[in-house]
Amino acid sequence: MSDESNTQALFSKTKYLVVDLLRIQRGESLTSVLHTGANKQQQELYRAIHSRRMAEQRGQEEEEDKNAKLSVFDPNDTTIDKLKQHILKNLSILEAHKMVTPTEDYQEILTSIARDICNQRKYRQRRKQDLRMMAATMDRMNKKKKYYGEAVTYYQEYVKACVNNLNKGKKQRKGDKKKTAKYTAQKLFDKKVLVGIDDVHPSTFKAVTIEFSSTDEVGVFEVSGKLGGLNLEKINLVFEDLLQLQYEGISTLKIEDKVTVNVNLLIFLLNKKFYGVE
């Protein structure tokens, strides 16, 4: 280590020693404190602090922790007078290196201490802010983890239930009676399965009929509708696609760029009506 590094380290260590001293004994200036005897209460307080630090030092198991936490502590400073002698010795060395000025009451040391205190406050504030942000992030991640975990379980259970029910009769044969479920748009709207229909006002939903029918292909439904006496274009709805949307956390689906449905509630409806899954 270079001389400059050594004196910088000594400067830092002396700052901590001065802070320890000023915590116990106050005065008009650092010079006056260093040359004024401590009273009995101050001496007892320092001995208590010294004893506690000695216990901490003995309790240290890891050398790295010891270096990080107690490197500025000197076991030989058993009394406040010895602490002052230690500080004066360090200040004399620092003075020789023109790092402190006795005639200015070692203002360099005091200014540096004040700057450290200010920086510590800023650091604590930043740390508190970082901890709050981390806590909020962890909370969001835990919620997402819970949601995706539930979604995976939900997906697997529904797939298993649907496959079991569908495989009971294997594939439907052409000519077999197809299951159907017919609702008014108002009924689906009330169940919150239907979110909305473009260009159709909710007040006319009672006049709109929507029908779901099973097909010859497993897991595929035919969706048709009527608005008054007008038949709407039939479309196919793939149940597995709905499950995939649910797994991906997509809450709504727009069918044919016109009819918007709630994915979760539509899955529930189809399972209940066609597969007997509650």
C-alpha atoms as a PDB file:
ATOM      1  CA  MET A   1       0.000   0.000   0.000  1.00  0.00           C
ATOM      2  CA  SER A   2       1.350   3.460  -0.924  1.00  0.00           C
ATOM      3  CA  ASP A   3       1.979   6.267   1.564  1.00  0.00           C
ATOM      4  CA  GLU A   4      -0.983   8.156   0.118  1.00  0.00           C
ATOM      5  CA  SER A   5      -3.254   5.155   0.624  1.00  0.00           C
ATOM      6  CA  ASN A   6      -1.950   4.723   4.162  1.00  0.00           C
ATOM      7  CA  THR A   7      -2.644   8.339   5.095  1.00  0.00           C
ATOM      8  CA  GLN A   8      -6.104   8.201   3.518  1.00  0.00           C
ATOM      9  CA  ALA A   9      -6.848   5.071   5.552  1.00  0.00           C
ATOM     10  CA  LEU A  10      -5.538   6.792   8.670  1.00  0.00           C
ATOM     11  CA  PHE A  11      -7.700   9.842   7.923  1.00  0.00           C
ATOM     12  CA  SER A  12     -10.804   7.636   7.620  1.00  0.00           C
ATOM     13  CA  LYS A  13     -10.001   5.721  10.806  1.00  0.00           C
ATOM     14  CA  THR A  14      -9.426   8.957  12.718  1.00  0.00           C
ATOM     15  CA  LYS A  15     -12.825  10.234  11.616  1.00  0.00           C
ATOM     16  CA  TYR A  16     -14.494   7.232  13.226  1.00  0.00           C
ATOM     17  CA  LEU A  17     -12.493   7.684  16.418  1.00  0.00           C
ATOM     18  CA  VAL A  18     -13.485  11.372  16.563  1.00  0.00           C
ATOM     19  CA  VAL A  19     -17.145  10.436  16.058  1.00  0.00           C
ATOM     20  CA  ASP A  20     -16.881   7.975  18.964  1.00  0.00           C
ATOM     21  CA  LEU A  21     -15.401  10.689  21.137  1.00  0.00           C
ATOM     22  CA  LEU A  22     -17.964  13.349  20.212  1.00  0.00           C
ATOM     23  CA  ARG A  23     -20.820  10.968  20.921  1.00  0.00           C
ATOM     24  CA  ILE A  24     -19.710  10.853  24.536  1.00  0.00           C
ATOM     25  CA  GLN A  25     -18.092  14.224  25.179  1.00  0.00           C
ATOM     26  CA  ARG A  26     -19.190  17.536  23.681  1.00  0.00           C
ATOM     27  CA  GLY A  27     -17.385  20.887  23.633  1.00  0.00           C
ATOM     28  CA  GLU A  28     -16.991  24.182  21.802  1.00  0.00           C
ATOM     29  CA  SER A  29     -14.384  22.682  19.466  1.00  0.00           C
ATOM     30  CA  LEU A  30     -12.644  19.399  18.752  1.00  0.00           C
ATOM     31  CA  THR A  31      -9.440  20.832  20.193  1.00  0.00           C
ATOM     32  CA  SER A  32     -11.155  21.733  23.467  1.00  0.00           C
ATOM     33  CA  VAL A  33     -12.724  18.288  23.746  1.00  0.00           C
ATOM     34  CA  LEU A  34      -9.385  16.588  23.142  1.00  0.00           C
ATOM     35  CA  HIS A  35      -7.772  18.621  25.938  1.00  0.00           C
ATOM     36  CA  THR A  36     -10.625  18.577  28.447  1.00  0.00           C
ATOM     37  CA  GLY A  37     -10.920  15.760  30.976  1.00  0.00           C
ATOM     38  CA  ALA A  38     -14.028  13.595  30.839  1.00  0.00           C
ATOM     39  CA  ASN A  39     -16.333  13.376  33.847  1.00  0.00           C
ATOM     40  CA  LYS A  40     -17.160  10.140  35.625  1.00  0.00           C
ATOM     41  CA  GLN A  41     -20.404   9.550  33.700  1.00  0.00           C
ATOM     42  CA  GLN A  42     -18.651   9.992  30.348  1.00  0.00           C
ATOM     43  CA  GLN A  43     -15.844   7.655  31.397  1.00  0.00           C
ATOM     44  CA  GLU A  44     -18.343   4.976  32.459  1.00  0.00           C
ATOM     45  CA  LEU A  45     -20.271   5.380  29.218  1.00  0.00           C
ATOM     46  CA  TYR A  46     -17.100   4.938  27.166  1.00  0.00           C
ATOM     47  CA  ARG A  47     -16.088   1.855  29.183  1.00  0.00           C
ATOM     48  CA  ALA A  48     -19.515   0.345  28.495  1.00  0.00           C
ATOM     49  CA  ILE A  49     -19.158   1.006  24.767  1.00  0.00           C
ATOM     50  CA  HIS A  50     -15.622  -0.398  24.769  1.00  0.00           C
ATOM     51  CA  SER A  51     -16.739  -3.550  26.614  1.00  0.00           C
ATOM     52  CA  ARG A  52     -19.582  -4.100  24.154  1.00  0.00           C
ATOM     53  CA  ARG A  53     -17.258  -3.787  21.177  1.00  0.00           C
ATOM     54  CA  MET A  54     -14.765  -6.169  22.763  1.00  0.00           C
ATOM     55  CA  ALA A  55     -17.585  -8.707  23.115  1.00  0.00           C
ATOM     56  CA  GLU A  56     -18.572  -8.147  19.484  1.00  0.00           C
ATOM     57  CA  GLN A  57     -14.990  -8.670  18.407  1.00  0.00           C
ATOM     58  CA  ARG A  58     -14.721 -11.922  20.338  1.00  0.00           C
ATOM     59  CA  GLY A  59     -18.020 -13.057  18.835  1.00  0.00           C
ATOM     60  CA  GLN A  60     -16.931 -12.499  15.261  1.00  0.00           C
ATOM     61  CA  GLU A  61     -16.583 -15.815  13.449  1.00  0.00           C
ATOM     62  CA  GLU A  62     -15.698 -14.640   9.985  1.00  0.00           C
ATOM     63  CA  GLU A  63     -12.495 -12.649   9.433  1.00  0.00           C
ATOM     64  CA  GLU A  64     -14.097 -10.725   6.555  1.00  0.00           C
ATOM     65  CA  ASP A  65     -16.963  -9.598   8.776  1.00  0.00           C
ATOM     66  CA  LYS A  66     -14.472  -8.631  11.439  1.00  0.00           C
ATOM     67  CA  ASN A  67     -12.514  -6.478   9.022  1.00  0.00           C
ATOM     68  CA  ALA A  68     -15.644  -4.845   7.638  1.00  0.00           C
ATOM     69  CA  LYS A  69     -17.330  -4.072  10.942  1.00  0.00           C
ATOM     70  CA  LEU A  70     -14.569  -3.537  13.480  1.00  0.00           C
ATOM     71  CA  SER A  71     -11.535  -2.383  11.513  1.00  0.00           C
ATOM     72  CA  VAL A  72     -11.628   1.076  13.145  1.00  0.00           C
ATOM     73  CA  PHE A  73     -11.914  -0.312  16.660  1.00  0.00           C
ATOM     74  CA  ASP A  74      -8.718  -0.476  18.707  1.00  0.00           C
ATOM     75  CA  PRO A  75      -8.913  -2.754  21.784  1.00  0.00           C
ATOM     76  CA  ASN A  76      -6.084  -0.761  23.402  1.00  0.00           C
ATOM     77  CA  ASP A  77      -8.320   2.314  23.711  1.00  0.00           C
ATOM     78  CA  THR A  78      -9.601   1.048  27.051  1.00  0.00           C
ATOM     79  CA  THR A  79     -10.371   4.513  28.452  1.00  0.00           C
ATOM     80  CA  ILE A  80     -11.583   7.769  26.973  1.00  0.00           C
ATOM     81  CA  ASP A  81      -8.177   9.308  27.764  1.00  0.00           C
ATOM     82  CA  LYS A  82      -6.432   6.611  25.737  1.00  0.00           C
ATOM     83  CA  LEU A  83      -8.902   7.237  22.913  1.00  0.00           C
ATOM     84  CA  LYS A  84      -7.958  10.930  22.942  1.00  0.00           C
ATOM     85  CA  GLN A  85      -4.242  10.065  22.922  1.00  0.00           C
ATOM     86  CA  HIS A  86      -4.860   7.788  19.940  1.00  0.00           C
ATOM     87  CA  ILE A  87      -6.701  10.568  18.094  1.00  0.00           C
ATOM     88  CA  LEU A  88      -4.006  13.164  18.857  1.00  0.00           C
ATOM     89  CA  LYS A  89      -1.296  10.794  17.623  1.00  0.00           C
ATOM     90  CA  ASN A  90      -3.209  10.227  14.361  1.00  0.00           C
ATOM     91  CA  LEU A  91      -3.854  13.939  13.924  1.00  0.00           C
ATOM     92  CA  SER A  92      -0.136  14.645  14.365  1.00  0.00           C
ATOM     93  CA  ILE A  93       0.685  12.219  11.548  1.00  0.00           C
ATOM     94  CA  LEU A  94      -2.046  13.690   9.330  1.00  0.00           C
ATOM     95  CA  GLU A  95      -0.760  17.191  10.061  1.00  0.00           C
ATOM     96  CA  ALA A  96       2.707  16.159   8.883  1.00  0.00           C
ATOM     97  CA  HIS A  97       1.087  15.079   5.605  1.00  0.00           C
ATOM     98  CA  LYS A  98      -0.800  18.416   5.415  1.00  0.00           C
ATOM     99  CA  MET A  99      -4.182  16.666   5.622  1.00  0.00           C
ATOM    100  CA  VAL A 100      -5.382  18.518   8.735  1.00  0.00           C
ATOM    101  CA  THR A 101      -4.747  21.959  10.242  1.00  0.00           C
ATOM    102  CA  PRO A 102      -4.646  22.311  14.064  1.00  0.00           C
ATOM    103  CA  THR A 103      -5.013  26.083  13.915  1.00  0.00           C
ATOM    104  CA  GLU A 104      -8.349  25.613  12.139  1.00  0.00           C
ATOM    105  CA  ASP A 105      -9.498  23.095  14.756  1.00  0.00           C
ATOM    106  CA  TYR A 106      -8.993  20.165  12.374  1.00  0.00           C
ATOM    107  CA  GLN A 107     -11.851  21.450  10.212  1.00  0.00           C
ATOM    108  CA  GLU A 108     -10.915  18.986   7.468  1.00  0.00           C
ATOM    109  CA  ILE A 109     -11.881  16.076   9.737  1.00  0.00           C
ATOM    110  CA  LEU A 110     -15.123  17.717  10.905  1.00  0.00           C
ATOM    111  CA  THR A 111     -16.147  18.686   7.358  1.00  0.00           C
ATOM    112  CA  SER A 112     -15.532  15.153   6.145  1.00  0.00           C
ATOM    113  CA  ILE A 113     -17.594  13.744   9.029  1.00  0.00           C
ATOM    114  CA  ALA A 114     -20.467  16.112   8.204  1.00  0.00           C
ATOM    115  CA  ARG A 115     -20.285  15.050   4.544  1.00  0.00           C
ATOM    116  CA  ASP A 116     -20.367  11.372   5.552  1.00  0.00           C
ATOM    117  CA  ILE A 117     -23.440  11.944   7.720  1.00  0.00           C
ATOM    118  CA  CYS A 118     -25.199  13.706   4.851  1.00  0.00           C
ATOM    119  CA  ASN A 119     -24.278  10.925   2.438  1.00  0.00           C
ATOM    120  CA  GLN A 120     -25.432   8.288   4.915  1.00  0.00           C
ATOM    121  CA  ARG A 121     -28.828   9.946   5.126  1.00  0.00           C
ATOM    122  CA  LYS A 122     -29.088  10.044   1.355  1.00  0.00           C
ATOM    123  CA  TYR A 123     -27.953   6.428   1.190  1.00  0.00           C
ATOM    124  CA  ARG A 124     -30.555   5.373   3.767  1.00  0.00           C
ATOM    125  CA  GLN A 125     -33.261   7.216   1.871  1.00  0.00           C
ATOM    126  CA  ARG A 126     -32.213   5.567  -1.391  1.00  0.00           C
ATOM    127  CA  ARG A 127     -32.011   2.210   0.346  1.00  0.00           C
ATOM    128  CA  LYS A 128     -35.497   2.619   1.810  1.00  0.00           C
ATOM    129  CA  GLN A 129     -36.788   3.579  -1.629  1.00  0.00           C
ATOM    130  CA  ASP A 130     -35.008   0.609  -3.219  1.00  0.00           C
ATOM    131  CA  LEU A 131     -36.416  -1.717  -0.555  1.00  0.00           C
ATOM    132  CA  ARG A 132     -39.934  -0.402  -1.178  1.00  0.00           C
ATOM    133  CA  MET A 133     -39.489  -0.919  -4.915  1.00  0.00           C
ATOM    134  CA  MET A 134     -38.104  -4.415  -4.342  1.00  0.00           C
ATOM    135  CA  ALA A 135     -40.995  -5.267  -2.023  1.00  0.00           C
ATOM    136  CA  ALA A 136     -43.508  -4.028  -4.612  1.00  0.00           C
ATOM    137  CA  THR A 137     -41.737  -6.008  -7.354  1.00  0.00           C
ATOM    138  CA  MET A 138     -41.671  -9.146  -5.204  1.00  0.00           C
ATOM    139  CA  ASP A 139     -45.366  -8.702  -4.450  1.00  0.00           C
ATOM    140  CA  ARG A 140     -46.167  -8.419  -8.170  1.00  0.00           C
ATOM    141  CA  MET A 141     -43.989 -11.423  -8.958  1.00  0.00           C
ATOM    142  CA  ASN A 142     -45.620 -13.510  -6.223  1.00  0.00           C
ATOM    143  CA  LYS A 143     -49.068 -12.566  -7.504  1.00  0.00           C
ATOM    144  CA  LYS A 144     -48.048 -13.474 -11.048  1.00  0.00           C
ATOM    145  CA  LYS A 145     -46.514 -16.723  -9.828  1.00  0.00           C
ATOM    146  CA  LYS A 146     -49.727 -17.572  -7.985  1.00  0.00           C
ATOM    147  CA  TYR A 147     -51.857 -16.619 -10.986  1.00  0.00           C
ATOM    148  CA  TYR A 148     -49.811 -18.636 -13.473  1.00  0.00           C
ATOM    149  CA  GLY A 149     -49.624 -21.562 -11.075  1.00  0.00           C
ATOM    150  CA  GLU A 150     -53.395 -21.557 -10.737  1.00  0.00           C
ATOM    151  CA  ALA A 151     -53.795 -21.090 -14.491  1.00  0.00           C
ATOM    152  CA  VAL A 152     -51.578 -24.104 -15.225  1.00  0.00           C
ATOM    153  CA  THR A 153     -53.508 -26.243 -12.743  1.00  0.00           C
ATOM    154  CA  TYR A 154     -56.813 -24.981 -14.113  1.00  0.00           C
ATOM    155  CA  TYR A 155     -55.680 -25.683 -17.665  1.00  0.00           C
ATOM    156  CA  GLN A 156     -54.468 -29.196 -16.835  1.00  0.00           C
ATOM    157  CA  GLU A 157     -57.602 -30.093 -14.888  1.00  0.00           C
ATOM    158  CA  TYR A 158     -59.907 -28.898 -17.633  1.00  0.00           C
ATOM    159  CA  VAL A 159     -57.931 -30.647 -20.359  1.00  0.00           C
ATOM    160  CA  LYS A 160     -57.970 -33.870 -18.368  1.00  0.00           C
ATOM    161  CA  ALA A 161     -61.695 -33.594 -17.627  1.00  0.00           C
ATOM    162  CA  CYS A 162     -62.545 -32.704 -21.207  1.00  0.00           C
ATOM    163  CA  VAL A 163     -60.431 -35.479 -22.719  1.00  0.00           C
ATOM    164  CA  ASN A 164     -61.897 -38.030 -20.301  1.00  0.00           C
ATOM    165  CA  ASN A 165     -65.435 -36.998 -21.132  1.00  0.00           C
ATOM    166  CA  LEU A 166     -64.796 -36.793 -24.852  1.00  0.00           C
ATOM    167  CA  ASN A 167     -63.025 -40.144 -25.001  1.00  0.00           C
ATOM    168  CA  LYS A 168     -65.889 -41.962 -23.323  1.00  0.00           C
ATOM    169  CA  GLY A 169     -67.657 -42.150 -26.641  1.00  0.00           C
ATOM    170  CA  LYS A 170     -64.499 -41.580 -28.669  1.00  0.00           C
ATOM    171  CA  LYS A 171     -65.239 -39.413 -31.702  1.00  0.00           C
ATOM    172  CA  GLN A 172     -68.829 -38.655 -32.443  1.00  0.00           C
ATOM    173  CA  ARG A 173     -70.113 -40.396 -35.523  1.00  0.00           C
ATOM    174  CA  LYS A 174     -71.840 -38.462 -38.235  1.00  0.00           C
ATOM    175  CA  GLY A 175     -75.550 -38.716 -37.685  1.00  0.00           C
ATOM    176  CA  ASP A 176     -75.229 -38.770 -33.875  1.00  0.00           C
ATOM    177  CA  LYS A 177     -77.397 -36.230 -32.157  1.00  0.00           C
ATOM    178  CA  LYS A 178     -75.398 -33.091 -31.514  1.00  0.00           C
ATOM    179  CA  LYS A 179     -75.637 -31.212 -28.269  1.00  0.00           C
ATOM    180  CA  THR A 180     -76.700 -27.602 -28.442  1.00  0.00           C
ATOM    181  CA  ALA A 181     -76.993 -24.745 -25.989  1.00  0.00           C
ATOM    182  CA  LYS A 182     -79.053 -21.720 -26.987  1.00  0.00           C
ATOM    183  CA  TYR A 183     -79.110 -18.374 -25.196  1.00  0.00           C
ATOM    184  CA  THR A 184     -80.255 -14.870 -25.791  1.00  0.00           C
ATOM    185  CA  ALA A 185     -77.436 -12.342 -25.878  1.00  0.00           C
ATOM    186  CA  GLN A 186     -79.100 -10.739 -22.840  1.00  0.00           C
ATOM    187  CA  LYS A 187     -78.745 -13.989 -20.866  1.00  0.00           C
ATOM    188  CA  LEU A 188     -75.064 -14.307 -21.771  1.00  0.00           C
ATOM    189  CA  PHE A 189     -74.573 -10.625 -20.984  1.00  0.00           C
ATOM    190  CA  ASP A 190     -76.151 -11.116 -17.556  1.00  0.00           C
ATOM    191  CA  LYS A 191     -73.838 -14.098 -16.952  1.00  0.00           C
ATOM    192  CA  LYS A 192     -70.932 -11.824 -18.001  1.00  0.00           C
ATOM    193  CA  VAL A 193     -69.961 -14.370 -20.666  1.00  0.00           C
ATOM    194  CA  LEU A 194     -70.799 -11.805 -23.332  1.00  0.00           C
ATOM    195  CA  VAL A 195     -68.922  -8.526 -23.032  1.00  0.00           C
ATOM    196  CA  GLY A 196     -70.428  -6.796 -26.027  1.00  0.00           C
ATOM    197  CA  ILE A 197     -71.394  -6.914 -29.705  1.00  0.00           C
ATOM    198  CA  ASP A 198     -70.140  -4.239 -32.070  1.00  0.00           C
ATOM    199  CA  ASP A 199     -72.889  -2.046 -33.543  1.00  0.00           C
ATOM    200  CA  VAL A 200     -75.537  -3.743 -31.371  1.00  0.00           C
ATOM    201  CA  HIS A 201     -76.827  -1.822 -28.363  1.00  0.00           C
ATOM    202  CA  PRO A 202     -77.295  -3.823 -25.121  1.00  0.00           C
ATOM    203  CA  SER A 203     -80.942  -2.741 -25.042  1.00  0.00           C
ATOM    204  CA  THR A 204     -81.580  -5.008 -28.090  1.00  0.00           C
ATOM    205  CA  PHE A 205     -79.745  -8.059 -26.719  1.00  0.00           C
ATOM    206  CA  LYS A 206     -83.048  -9.817 -25.980  1.00  0.00           C
ATOM    207  CA  ALA A 207     -83.664  -9.979 -29.734  1.00  0.00           C
ATOM    208  CA  VAL A 208     -80.299 -11.639 -30.384  1.00  0.00           C
ATOM    209  CA  THR A 209     -80.000 -15.436 -30.108  1.00  0.00           C
ATOM    210  CA  ILE A 210     -76.637 -17.189 -29.830  1.00  0.00           C
ATOM    211  CA  GLU A 211     -76.350 -20.965 -30.161  1.00  0.00           C
ATOM    212  CA  PHE A 212     -73.407 -23.254 -29.373  1.00  0.00           C
ATOM    213  CA  SER A 213     -73.394 -26.722 -31.010  1.00  0.00           C
ATOM    214  CA  SER A 214     -70.992 -29.657 -30.806  1.00  0.00           C
ATOM    215  CA  THR A 215     -69.500 -30.883 -34.086  1.00  0.00           C
ATOM    216  CA  ASP A 216     -68.096 -34.141 -35.427  1.00  0.00           C
ATOM    217  CA  GLU A 217     -64.651 -32.945 -34.426  1.00  0.00           C
ATOM    218  CA  VAL A 218     -63.716 -33.307 -30.773  1.00  0.00           C
ATOM    219  CA  GLY A 219     -63.380 -29.974 -28.946  1.00  0.00           C
ATOM    220  CA  VAL A 220     -64.732 -27.873 -31.800  1.00  0.00           C
ATOM    221  CA  PHE A 221     -68.001 -25.971 -31.418  1.00  0.00           C
ATOM    222  CA  GLU A 222     -70.155 -24.282 -34.008  1.00  0.00           C
ATOM    223  CA  VAL A 223     -71.413 -20.844 -33.004  1.00  0.00           C
ATOM    224  CA  SER A 224     -74.381 -19.353 -34.795  1.00  0.00           C
ATOM    225  CA  GLY A 225     -76.721 -16.481 -34.101  1.00  0.00           C
ATOM    226  CA  LYS A 226     -79.883 -14.693 -35.067  1.00  0.00           C
ATOM    227  CA  LEU A 227     -80.689 -11.017 -34.899  1.00  0.00           C
ATOM    228  CA  GLY A 228     -84.452 -10.708 -35.343  1.00  0.00           C
ATOM    229  CA  GLY A 229     -85.154 -12.813 -38.418  1.00  0.00           C
ATOM    230  CA  LEU A 230     -81.613 -12.487 -39.763  1.00  0.00           C
ATOM    231  CA  ASN A 231     -79.244 -15.461 -39.472  1.00  0.00           C
ATOM    232  CA  LEU A 232     -75.671 -14.535 -38.570  1.00  0.00           C
ATOM    233  CA  GLU A 233     -72.658 -16.242 -40.143  1.00  0.00           C
ATOM    234  CA  LYS A 234     -71.672 -19.520 -38.467  1.00  0.00           C
ATOM    235  CA  ILE A 235     -68.162 -19.872 -37.095  1.00  0.00           C
ATOM    236  CA  ASN A 236     -66.133 -22.633 -35.456  1.00  0.00           C
ATOM    237  CA  LEU A 237     -64.780 -22.178 -31.943  1.00  0.00           C
ATOM    238  CA  VAL A 238     -61.887 -24.438 -30.838  1.00  0.00           C
ATOM    239  CA  PHE A 239     -62.033 -25.241 -27.139  1.00  0.00           C
ATOM    240  CA  GLU A 240     -58.285 -25.831 -26.868  1.00  0.00           C
ATOM    241  CA  ASP A 241     -57.685 -22.326 -28.248  1.00  0.00           C
ATOM    242  CA  LEU A 242     -59.780 -20.927 -25.389  1.00  0.00           C
ATOM    243  CA  LEU A 243     -57.713 -22.867 -22.871  1.00  0.00           C
ATOM    244  CA  GLN A 244     -54.522 -21.540 -24.417  1.00  0.00           C
ATOM    245  CA  LEU A 245     -55.795 -17.963 -24.153  1.00  0.00           C
ATOM    246  CA  GLN A 246     -56.666 -18.569 -20.521  1.00  0.00           C
ATOM    247  CA  TYR A 247     -53.195 -19.974 -19.853  1.00  0.00           C
ATOM    248  CA  GLU A 248     -51.632 -16.896 -21.421  1.00  0.00           C
ATOM    249  CA  GLY A 249     -53.696 -14.651 -19.160  1.00  0.00           C
ATOM    250  CA  ILE A 250     -55.813 -13.195 -21.981  1.00  0.00           C
ATOM    251  CA  SER A 251     -59.192 -12.350 -20.453  1.00  0.00           C
ATOM    252  CA  THR A 252     -61.306 -11.563 -23.528  1.00  0.00           C
ATOM    253  CA  LEU A 253     -61.676 -12.850 -27.081  1.00  0.00           C
ATOM    254  CA  LYS A 254     -63.204 -11.023 -30.036  1.00  0.00           C
ATOM    255  CA  ILE A 255     -64.971 -13.438 -32.347  1.00  0.00           C
ATOM    256  CA  GLU A 256     -65.064 -12.456 -36.031  1.00  0.00           C
ATOM    257  CA  ASP A 257     -64.105  -8.885 -35.025  1.00  0.00           C
ATOM    258  CA  LYS A 258     -67.617  -8.388 -33.720  1.00  0.00           C
ATOM    259  CA  VAL A 259     -68.568 -10.377 -30.609  1.00  0.00           C
ATOM    260  CA  THR A 260     -66.408  -9.954 -27.487  1.00  0.00           C
ATOM    261  CA  VAL A 261     -66.598 -12.707 -24.847  1.00  0.00           C
ATOM    262  CA  ASN A 262     -65.010 -13.381 -21.457  1.00  0.00           C
ATOM    263  CA  VAL A 263     -62.627 -16.315 -21.995  1.00  0.00           C
ATOM    264  CA  ASN A 264     -62.796 -17.784 -18.474  1.00  0.00           C
ATOM    265  CA  LEU A 265     -66.580 -17.631 -18.226  1.00  0.00           C
ATOM    266  CA  LEU A 266     -67.062 -19.026 -21.743  1.00  0.00           C
ATOM    267  CA  ILE A 267     -64.833 -21.989 -20.841  1.00  0.00           C
ATOM    268  CA  PHE A 268     -66.911 -22.527 -17.714  1.00  0.00           C
ATOM    269  CA  LEU A 269     -70.148 -22.365 -19.707  1.00  0.00           C
ATOM    270  CA  LEU A 270     -69.002 -24.830 -22.380  1.00  0.00           C
ATOM    271  CA  ASN A 271     -67.637 -27.277 -19.827  1.00  0.00           C
ATOM    272  CA  LYS A 272     -70.826 -27.171 -17.825  1.00  0.00           C
ATOM    273  CA  LYS A 273     -73.171 -27.561 -20.799  1.00  0.00           C
ATOM    274  CA  PHE A 274     -71.248 -30.032 -22.931  1.00  0.00           C
ATOM    275  CA  TYR A 275     -68.892 -31.958 -20.653  1.00  0.00           C
ATOM    276  CA  GLY A 276     -70.641 -31.857 -17.300  1.00  0.00           C
ATOM    277  CA  VAL A 277     -67.636 -30.216 -15.630  1.00  0.00           C
ATOM    278  CA  GLU A 278     -68.491 -27.692 -12.906  1.00  0.00           C
END
